[in-house]
Amino acid sequence: MSDLFNFSVVTPEQTYLDGEASMVVVPGIEGDIGFLANHANIITSLRPGTIVVTSDKDTNSFNVEKGFVKFSENKLLVVAEGIVSE
């Protein structure tokens, strides 16, 4: 069983980030949610906050506006209204 899963972070204008990760933490509407490979299927809303993406090579973090997240069939899709520049 692989410890990696596919993920995409998109806005209405562009695909911001796309690849494989070992863990992604998103700001869920009711609290932060950490996704690992083979997580249970879920669809939920996002609140504005920080997403942290961990892969075998490095860790990236960035801020998003509200949106939603879907995890299904070992794929994570994050749809945000926008990415907030720091």
PDB file of N, CA and C in Angstrom:
ATOM      1  N   MET A   1       0.843  -1.172   0.000  1.00  0.00           N
ATOM      2  CA  MET A   1       0.000   0.000   0.000  1.00  0.00           C
ATOM      3  C   MET A   1       0.893   1.242   0.000  1.00  0.00           C
ATOM      4  N   SER A   2       0.673   2.128  -0.956  1.00  0.00           N
ATOM      5  CA  SER A   2       1.472   3.342  -1.090  1.00  0.00           C
ATOM      6  C   SER A   2       1.085   4.354  -0.025  1.00  0.00           C
ATOM      7  N   ASP A   3       2.062   5.141   0.411  1.00  0.00           N
ATOM      8  CA  ASP A   3       1.768   6.185   1.387  1.00  0.00           C
ATOM      9  C   ASP A   3       1.606   7.552   0.710  1.00  0.00           C
ATOM     10  N   LEU A   4       1.501   7.575  -0.623  1.00  0.00           N
ATOM     11  CA  LEU A   4       1.286   8.812  -1.368  1.00  0.00           C
ATOM     12  C   LEU A   4      -0.100   8.823  -1.996  1.00  0.00           C
ATOM     13  N   PHE A   5      -0.630  10.018  -2.218  1.00  0.00           N
ATOM     14  CA  PHE A   5      -1.895  10.175  -2.922  1.00  0.00           C
ATOM     15  C   PHE A   5      -1.814  11.414  -3.798  1.00  0.00           C
ATOM     16  N   ASN A   6      -2.678  11.485  -4.803  1.00  0.00           N
ATOM     17  CA  ASN A   6      -2.721  12.630  -5.716  1.00  0.00           C
ATOM     18  C   ASN A   6      -3.548  13.745  -5.104  1.00  0.00           C
ATOM     19  N   PHE A   7      -3.136  14.984  -5.385  1.00  0.00           N
ATOM     20  CA  PHE A   7      -3.900  16.123  -4.912  1.00  0.00           C
ATOM     21  C   PHE A   7      -3.837  17.247  -5.934  1.00  0.00           C
ATOM     22  N   SER A   8      -4.845  18.107  -5.910  1.00  0.00           N
ATOM     23  CA  SER A   8      -4.891  19.305  -6.747  1.00  0.00           C
ATOM     24  C   SER A   8      -5.487  20.438  -5.925  1.00  0.00           C
ATOM     25  N   VAL A   9      -4.901  21.617  -6.063  1.00  0.00           N
ATOM     26  CA  VAL A   9      -5.448  22.826  -5.463  1.00  0.00           C
ATOM     27  C   VAL A   9      -5.767  23.754  -6.620  1.00  0.00           C
ATOM     28  N   VAL A  10      -7.054  24.078  -6.784  1.00  0.00           N
ATOM     29  CA  VAL A  10      -7.483  24.890  -7.915  1.00  0.00           C
ATOM     30  C   VAL A  10      -8.285  26.090  -7.431  1.00  0.00           C
ATOM     31  N   THR A  11      -8.251  27.145  -8.252  1.00  0.00           N
ATOM     32  CA  THR A  11      -9.091  28.319  -8.078  1.00  0.00           C
ATOM     33  C   THR A  11      -9.888  28.471  -9.370  1.00  0.00           C
ATOM     34  N   PRO A  12     -10.833  29.385  -9.411  1.00  0.00           N
ATOM     35  CA  PRO A  12     -11.549  29.577 -10.675  1.00  0.00           C
ATOM     36  C   PRO A  12     -10.643  29.988 -11.837  1.00  0.00           C
ATOM     37  N   GLU A  13      -9.509  30.599 -11.519  1.00  0.00           N
ATOM     38  CA  GLU A  13      -8.613  31.089 -12.567  1.00  0.00           C
ATOM     39  C   GLU A  13      -7.549  30.091 -13.009  1.00  0.00           C
ATOM     40  N   GLN A  14      -7.122  29.186 -12.113  1.00  0.00           N
ATOM     41  CA  GLN A  14      -5.970  28.356 -12.447  1.00  0.00           C
ATOM     42  C   GLN A  14      -5.855  27.129 -11.547  1.00  0.00           C
ATOM     43  N   THR A  15      -5.024  26.190 -11.978  1.00  0.00           N
ATOM     44  CA  THR A  15      -4.588  25.118 -11.099  1.00  0.00           C
ATOM     45  C   THR A  15      -3.349  25.639 -10.386  1.00  0.00           C
ATOM     46  N   TYR A  16      -3.450  25.801  -9.077  1.00  0.00           N
ATOM     47  CA  TYR A  16      -2.366  26.394  -8.306  1.00  0.00           C
ATOM     48  C   TYR A  16      -1.265  25.379  -7.999  1.00  0.00           C
ATOM     49  N   LEU A  17      -1.652  24.171  -7.632  1.00  0.00           N
ATOM     50  CA  LEU A  17      -0.691  23.143  -7.251  1.00  0.00           C
ATOM     51  C   LEU A  17      -1.294  21.792  -7.582  1.00  0.00           C
ATOM     52  N   ASP A  18      -0.446  20.874  -8.066  1.00  0.00           N
ATOM     53  CA  ASP A  18      -0.911  19.562  -8.486  1.00  0.00           C
ATOM     54  C   ASP A  18       0.244  18.589  -8.307  1.00  0.00           C
ATOM     55  N   GLY A  19      -0.002  17.435  -7.732  1.00  0.00           N
ATOM     56  CA  GLY A  19       1.078  16.470  -7.582  1.00  0.00           C
ATOM     57  C   GLY A  19       0.717  15.340  -6.646  1.00  0.00           C
ATOM     58  N   GLU A  20       1.745  14.786  -5.991  1.00  0.00           N
ATOM     59  CA  GLU A  20       1.571  13.716  -5.017  1.00  0.00           C
ATOM     60  C   GLU A  20       2.030  14.212  -3.665  1.00  0.00           C
ATOM     61  N   ALA A  21       1.366  13.744  -2.617  1.00  0.00           N
ATOM     62  CA  ALA A  21       1.717  14.146  -1.265  1.00  0.00           C
ATOM     63  C   ALA A  21       1.610  12.953  -0.330  1.00  0.00           C
ATOM     64  N   SER A  22       2.325  13.042   0.780  1.00  0.00           N
ATOM     65  CA  SER A  22       2.182  12.031   1.819  1.00  0.00           C
ATOM     66  C   SER A  22       1.195  12.499   2.882  1.00  0.00           C
ATOM     67  N   MET A  23       1.016  13.856   2.994  1.00  0.00           N
ATOM     68  CA  MET A  23       0.043  14.412   3.924  1.00  0.00           C
ATOM     69  C   MET A  23      -0.342  15.815   3.477  1.00  0.00           C
ATOM     70  N   VAL A  24      -1.625  16.134   3.604  1.00  0.00           N
ATOM     71  CA  VAL A  24      -2.121  17.482   3.337  1.00  0.00           C
ATOM     72  C   VAL A  24      -3.039  17.863   4.489  1.00  0.00           C
ATOM     73  N   VAL A  25      -2.799  19.037   5.071  1.00  0.00           N
ATOM     74  CA  VAL A  25      -3.650  19.551   6.142  1.00  0.00           C
ATOM     75  C   VAL A  25      -4.381  20.768   5.604  1.00  0.00           C
ATOM     76  N   VAL A  26      -5.713  20.772   5.723  1.00  0.00           N
ATOM     77  CA  VAL A  26      -6.536  21.863   5.208  1.00  0.00           C
ATOM     78  C   VAL A  26      -7.363  22.462   6.344  1.00  0.00           C
ATOM     79  N   PRO A  27      -7.729  23.743   6.207  1.00  0.00           N
ATOM     80  CA  PRO A  27      -8.560  24.386   7.228  1.00  0.00           C
ATOM     81  C   PRO A  27     -10.046  24.095   7.012  1.00  0.00           C
ATOM     82  N   GLY A  28     -10.521  23.001   7.547  1.00  0.00           N
ATOM     83  CA  GLY A  28     -11.929  22.639   7.408  1.00  0.00           C
ATOM     84  C   GLY A  28     -12.824  23.601   8.164  1.00  0.00           C
ATOM     85  N   ILE A  29     -14.070  23.637   7.805  1.00  0.00           N
ATOM     86  CA  ILE A  29     -15.023  24.564   8.408  1.00  0.00           C
ATOM     87  C   ILE A  29     -15.177  24.312   9.911  1.00  0.00           C
ATOM     88  N   GLU A  30     -15.009  23.071  10.349  1.00  0.00           N
ATOM     89  CA  GLU A  30     -15.143  22.741  11.771  1.00  0.00           C
ATOM     90  C   GLU A  30     -13.805  22.444  12.436  1.00  0.00           C
ATOM     91  N   GLY A  31     -12.707  22.728  11.762  1.00  0.00           N
ATOM     92  CA  GLY A  31     -11.372  22.490  12.308  1.00  0.00           C
ATOM     93  C   GLY A  31     -10.457  21.939  11.235  1.00  0.00           C
ATOM     94  N   ASP A  32      -9.164  21.922  11.511  1.00  0.00           N
ATOM     95  CA  ASP A  32      -8.196  21.425  10.540  1.00  0.00           C
ATOM     96  C   ASP A  32      -8.393  19.929  10.297  1.00  0.00           C
ATOM     97  N   ILE A  33      -8.175  19.524   9.041  1.00  0.00           N
ATOM     98  CA  ILE A  33      -8.312  18.122   8.649  1.00  0.00           C
ATOM     99  C   ILE A  33      -6.991  17.684   8.023  1.00  0.00           C
ATOM    100  N   GLY A  34      -6.423  16.601   8.515  1.00  0.00           N
ATOM    101  CA  GLY A  34      -5.203  16.031   7.945  1.00  0.00           C
ATOM    102  C   GLY A  34      -5.552  14.834   7.085  1.00  0.00           C
ATOM    103  N   PHE A  35      -5.091  14.859   5.844  1.00  0.00           N
ATOM    104  CA  PHE A  35      -5.344  13.763   4.910  1.00  0.00           C
ATOM    105  C   PHE A  35      -4.076  12.962   4.692  1.00  0.00           C
ATOM    106  N   LEU A  36      -4.188  11.655   4.833  1.00  0.00           N
ATOM    107  CA  LEU A  36      -3.135  10.703   4.485  1.00  0.00           C
ATOM    108  C   LEU A  36      -3.688   9.800   3.388  1.00  0.00           C
ATOM    109  N   ALA A  37      -2.829   9.010   2.792  1.00  0.00           N
ATOM    110  CA  ALA A  37      -3.277   8.066   1.769  1.00  0.00           C
ATOM    111  C   ALA A  37      -4.392   7.182   2.326  1.00  0.00           C
ATOM    112  N   ASN A  38      -5.356   6.874   1.485  1.00  0.00           N
ATOM    113  CA  ASN A  38      -6.479   5.995   1.808  1.00  0.00           C
ATOM    114  C   ASN A  38      -7.413   6.548   2.880  1.00  0.00           C
ATOM    115  N   HIS A  39      -7.469   7.872   2.990  1.00  0.00           N
ATOM    116  CA  HIS A  39      -8.408   8.522   3.909  1.00  0.00           C
ATOM    117  C   HIS A  39      -9.841   8.166   3.498  1.00  0.00           C
ATOM    118  N   ALA A  40     -10.748   8.207   4.425  1.00  0.00           N
ATOM    119  CA  ALA A  40     -12.161   7.970   4.115  1.00  0.00           C
ATOM    120  C   ALA A  40     -12.670   9.059   3.170  1.00  0.00           C
ATOM    121  N   ASN A  41     -13.604   8.703   2.313  1.00  0.00           N
ATOM    122  CA  ASN A  41     -14.194   9.679   1.393  1.00  0.00           C
ATOM    123  C   ASN A  41     -14.908  10.764   2.181  1.00  0.00           C
ATOM    124  N   ILE A  42     -14.725  12.030   1.731  1.00  0.00           N
ATOM    125  CA  ILE A  42     -15.335  13.153   2.433  1.00  0.00           C
ATOM    126  C   ILE A  42     -15.472  14.340   1.483  1.00  0.00           C
ATOM    127  N   ILE A  43     -16.525  15.113   1.677  1.00  0.00           N
ATOM    128  CA  ILE A  43     -16.681  16.415   1.031  1.00  0.00           C
ATOM    129  C   ILE A  43     -17.067  17.373   2.146  1.00  0.00           C
ATOM    130  N   THR A  44     -16.333  18.483   2.262  1.00  0.00           N
ATOM    131  CA  THR A  44     -16.639  19.464   3.298  1.00  0.00           C
ATOM    132  C   THR A  44     -16.195  20.850   2.861  1.00  0.00           C
ATOM    133  N   SER A  45     -16.627  21.844   3.583  1.00  0.00           N
ATOM    134  CA  SER A  45     -16.286  23.234   3.273  1.00  0.00           C
ATOM    135  C   SER A  45     -14.960  23.618   3.913  1.00  0.00           C
ATOM    136  N   LEU A  46     -14.308  24.598   3.302  1.00  0.00           N
ATOM    137  CA  LEU A  46     -13.080  25.171   3.840  1.00  0.00           C
ATOM    138  C   LEU A  46     -13.367  26.544   4.416  1.00  0.00           C
ATOM    139  N   ARG A  47     -12.647  26.895   5.444  1.00  0.00           N
ATOM    140  CA  ARG A  47     -12.653  28.255   5.937  1.00  0.00           C
ATOM    141  C   ARG A  47     -11.339  28.897   5.482  1.00  0.00           C
ATOM    142  N   PRO A  48     -11.236  30.218   5.483  1.00  0.00           N
ATOM    143  CA  PRO A  48      -9.946  30.836   5.143  1.00  0.00           C
ATOM    144  C   PRO A  48      -8.872  30.357   6.125  1.00  0.00           C
ATOM    145  N   GLY A  49      -7.702  30.029   5.595  1.00  0.00           N
ATOM    146  CA  GLY A  49      -6.627  29.544   6.452  1.00  0.00           C
ATOM    147  C   GLY A  49      -5.464  29.016   5.639  1.00  0.00           C
ATOM    148  N   THR A  50      -4.619  28.236   6.291  1.00  0.00           N
ATOM    149  CA  THR A  50      -3.378  27.737   5.700  1.00  0.00           C
ATOM    150  C   THR A  50      -3.502  26.268   5.339  1.00  0.00           C
ATOM    151  N   ILE A  51      -3.062  25.938   4.135  1.00  0.00           N
ATOM    152  CA  ILE A  51      -2.935  24.546   3.695  1.00  0.00           C
ATOM    153  C   ILE A  51      -1.462  24.176   3.760  1.00  0.00           C
ATOM    154  N   VAL A  52      -1.169  23.007   4.316  1.00  0.00           N
ATOM    155  CA  VAL A  52       0.207  22.505   4.407  1.00  0.00           C
ATOM    156  C   VAL A  52       0.280  21.197   3.631  1.00  0.00           C
ATOM    157  N   VAL A  53       1.169  21.157   2.633  1.00  0.00           N
ATOM    158  CA  VAL A  53       1.345  19.979   1.795  1.00  0.00           C
ATOM    159  C   VAL A  53       2.724  19.394   2.073  1.00  0.00           C
ATOM    160  N   THR A  54       2.765  18.135   2.484  1.00  0.00           N
ATOM    161  CA  THR A  54       4.025  17.444   2.760  1.00  0.00           C
ATOM    162  C   THR A  54       4.210  16.333   1.737  1.00  0.00           C
ATOM    163  N   SER A  55       5.371  16.340   1.088  1.00  0.00           N
ATOM    164  CA  SER A  55       5.714  15.269   0.152  1.00  0.00           C
ATOM    165  C   SER A  55       7.006  14.632   0.640  1.00  0.00           C
ATOM    166  N   ASP A  56       7.525  13.683  -0.137  1.00  0.00           N
ATOM    167  CA  ASP A  56       8.783  13.035   0.246  1.00  0.00           C
ATOM    168  C   ASP A  56       9.937  14.026   0.259  1.00  0.00           C
ATOM    169  N   LYS A  57       9.846  15.074  -0.548  1.00  0.00           N
ATOM    170  CA  LYS A  57      10.979  15.981  -0.727  1.00  0.00           C
ATOM    171  C   LYS A  57      10.911  17.234   0.123  1.00  0.00           C
ATOM    172  N   ASP A  58       9.711  17.808   0.320  1.00  0.00           N
ATOM    173  CA  ASP A  58       9.625  19.070   1.048  1.00  0.00           C
ATOM    174  C   ASP A  58       8.222  19.320   1.571  1.00  0.00           C
ATOM    175  N   THR A  59       8.059  20.472   2.232  1.00  0.00           N
ATOM    176  CA  THR A  59       6.774  20.897   2.749  1.00  0.00           C
ATOM    177  C   THR A  59       6.477  22.291   2.220  1.00  0.00           C
ATOM    178  N   ASN A  60       5.274  22.475   1.679  1.00  0.00           N
ATOM    179  CA  ASN A  60       4.825  23.780   1.186  1.00  0.00           C
ATOM    180  C   ASN A  60       3.608  24.197   1.995  1.00  0.00           C
ATOM    181  N   SER A  61       3.482  25.502   2.222  1.00  0.00           N
ATOM    182  CA  SER A  61       2.275  26.012   2.855  1.00  0.00           C
ATOM    183  C   SER A  61       1.864  27.302   2.170  1.00  0.00           C
ATOM    184  N   PHE A  62       0.560  27.546   2.131  1.00  0.00           N
ATOM    185  CA  PHE A  62       0.019  28.745   1.512  1.00  0.00           C
ATOM    186  C   PHE A  62      -1.370  28.970   2.071  1.00  0.00           C
ATOM    187  N   ASN A  63      -1.836  30.198   1.975  1.00  0.00           N
ATOM    188  CA  ASN A  63      -3.144  30.563   2.515  1.00  0.00           C
ATOM    189  C   ASN A  63      -4.199  30.567   1.421  1.00  0.00           C
ATOM    190  N   VAL A  64      -5.390  30.101   1.793  1.00  0.00           N
ATOM    191  CA  VAL A  64      -6.507  30.061   0.850  1.00  0.00           C
ATOM    192  C   VAL A  64      -7.691  30.815   1.432  1.00  0.00           C
ATOM    193  N   GLU A  65      -8.557  31.256   0.520  1.00  0.00           N
ATOM    194  CA  GLU A  65      -9.846  31.795   0.921  1.00  0.00           C
ATOM    195  C   GLU A  65     -10.796  30.617   1.084  1.00  0.00           C
ATOM    196  N   LYS A  66     -12.039  30.888   1.373  1.00  0.00           N
ATOM    197  CA  LYS A  66     -12.985  29.784   1.576  1.00  0.00           C
ATOM    198  C   LYS A  66     -13.181  28.972   0.300  1.00  0.00           C
ATOM    199  N   GLY A  67     -13.750  27.789   0.453  1.00  0.00           N
ATOM    200  CA  GLY A  67     -13.972  26.897  -0.675  1.00  0.00           C
ATOM    201  C   GLY A  67     -14.491  25.563  -0.185  1.00  0.00           C
ATOM    202  N   PHE A  68     -14.098  24.494  -0.870  1.00  0.00           N
ATOM    203  CA  PHE A  68     -14.469  23.156  -0.412  1.00  0.00           C
ATOM    204  C   PHE A  68     -13.366  22.171  -0.747  1.00  0.00           C
ATOM    205  N   VAL A  69     -13.441  21.007  -0.136  1.00  0.00           N
ATOM    206  CA  VAL A  69     -12.455  19.954  -0.334  1.00  0.00           C
ATOM    207  C   VAL A  69     -13.194  18.633  -0.519  1.00  0.00           C
ATOM    208  N   LYS A  70     -12.653  17.793  -1.415  1.00  0.00           N
ATOM    209  CA  LYS A  70     -13.224  16.472  -1.675  1.00  0.00           C
ATOM    210  C   LYS A  70     -12.088  15.457  -1.685  1.00  0.00           C
ATOM    211  N   PHE A  71     -12.237  14.389  -0.910  1.00  0.00           N
ATOM    212  CA  PHE A  71     -11.293  13.269  -0.956  1.00  0.00           C
ATOM    213  C   PHE A  71     -12.076  12.047  -1.373  1.00  0.00           C
ATOM    214  N   SER A  72     -11.663  11.439  -2.501  1.00  0.00           N
ATOM    215  CA  SER A  72     -12.355  10.268  -3.029  1.00  0.00           C
ATOM    216  C   SER A  72     -11.381   9.465  -3.880  1.00  0.00           C
ATOM    217  N   GLU A  73     -11.434   8.154  -3.746  1.00  0.00           N
ATOM    218  CA  GLU A  73     -10.596   7.251  -4.542  1.00  0.00           C
ATOM    219  C   GLU A  73      -9.117   7.632  -4.464  1.00  0.00           C
ATOM    220  N   ASN A  74      -8.672   7.976  -3.268  1.00  0.00           N
ATOM    221  CA  ASN A  74      -7.279   8.319  -2.981  1.00  0.00           C
ATOM    222  C   ASN A  74      -6.804   9.565  -3.741  1.00  0.00           C
ATOM    223  N   LYS A  75      -7.731  10.484  -4.007  1.00  0.00           N
ATOM    224  CA  LYS A  75      -7.406  11.757  -4.653  1.00  0.00           C
ATOM    225  C   LYS A  75      -8.039  12.887  -3.859  1.00  0.00           C
ATOM    226  N   LEU A  76      -7.267  13.936  -3.626  1.00  0.00           N
ATOM    227  CA  LEU A  76      -7.743  15.106  -2.895  1.00  0.00           C
ATOM    228  C   LEU A  76      -7.892  16.271  -3.863  1.00  0.00           C
ATOM    229  N   LEU A  77      -9.053  16.888  -3.852  1.00  0.00           N
ATOM    230  CA  LEU A  77      -9.311  18.067  -4.658  1.00  0.00           C
ATOM    231  C   LEU A  77      -9.674  19.206  -3.720  1.00  0.00           C
ATOM    232  N   VAL A  78      -8.918  20.294  -3.787  1.00  0.00           N
ATOM    233  CA  VAL A  78      -9.208  21.500  -3.023  1.00  0.00           C
ATOM    234  C   VAL A  78      -9.613  22.575  -4.015  1.00  0.00           C
ATOM    235  N   VAL A  79     -10.820  23.111  -3.850  1.00  0.00           N
ATOM    236  CA  VAL A  79     -11.309  24.194  -4.701  1.00  0.00           C
ATOM    237  C   VAL A  79     -11.468  25.414  -3.792  1.00  0.00           C
ATOM    238  N   ALA A  80     -10.643  26.441  -4.037  1.00  0.00           N
ATOM    239  CA  ALA A  80     -10.656  27.647  -3.221  1.00  0.00           C
ATOM    240  C   ALA A  80     -11.063  28.842  -4.054  1.00  0.00           C
ATOM    241  N   GLU A  81     -11.734  29.797  -3.444  1.00  0.00           N
ATOM    242  CA  GLU A  81     -12.094  31.013  -4.150  1.00  0.00           C
ATOM    243  C   GLU A  81     -10.856  31.783  -4.583  1.00  0.00           C
ATOM    244  N   GLY A  82      -9.780  31.645  -3.841  1.00  0.00           N
ATOM    245  CA  GLY A  82      -8.538  32.314  -4.199  1.00  0.00           C
ATOM    246  C   GLY A  82      -7.407  31.907  -3.283  1.00  0.00           C
ATOM    247  N   ILE A  83      -6.197  32.198  -3.720  1.00  0.00           N
ATOM    248  CA  ILE A  83      -4.985  31.984  -2.936  1.00  0.00           C
ATOM    249  C   ILE A  83      -4.572  33.354  -2.419  1.00  0.00           C
ATOM    250  N   VAL A  84      -4.294  33.466  -1.135  1.00  0.00           N
ATOM    251  CA  VAL A  84      -3.939  34.742  -0.539  1.00  0.00           C
ATOM    252  C   VAL A  84      -2.425  34.900  -0.566  1.00  0.00           C
ATOM    253  N   SER A  85      -1.960  35.974  -1.207  1.00  0.00           N
ATOM    254  CA  SER A  85      -0.523  36.243  -1.268  1.00  0.00           C
ATOM    255  C   SER A  85      -0.051  36.761   0.086  1.00  0.00           C
ATOM    256  N   GLU A  86       1.139  36.332   0.474  1.00  0.00           N
ATOM    257  CA  GLU A  86       1.700  36.789   1.744  1.00  0.00           C
ATOM    258  C   GLU A  86       2.575  37.992   1.539  1.00  0.00           C
TER     259      GLU A  86
END
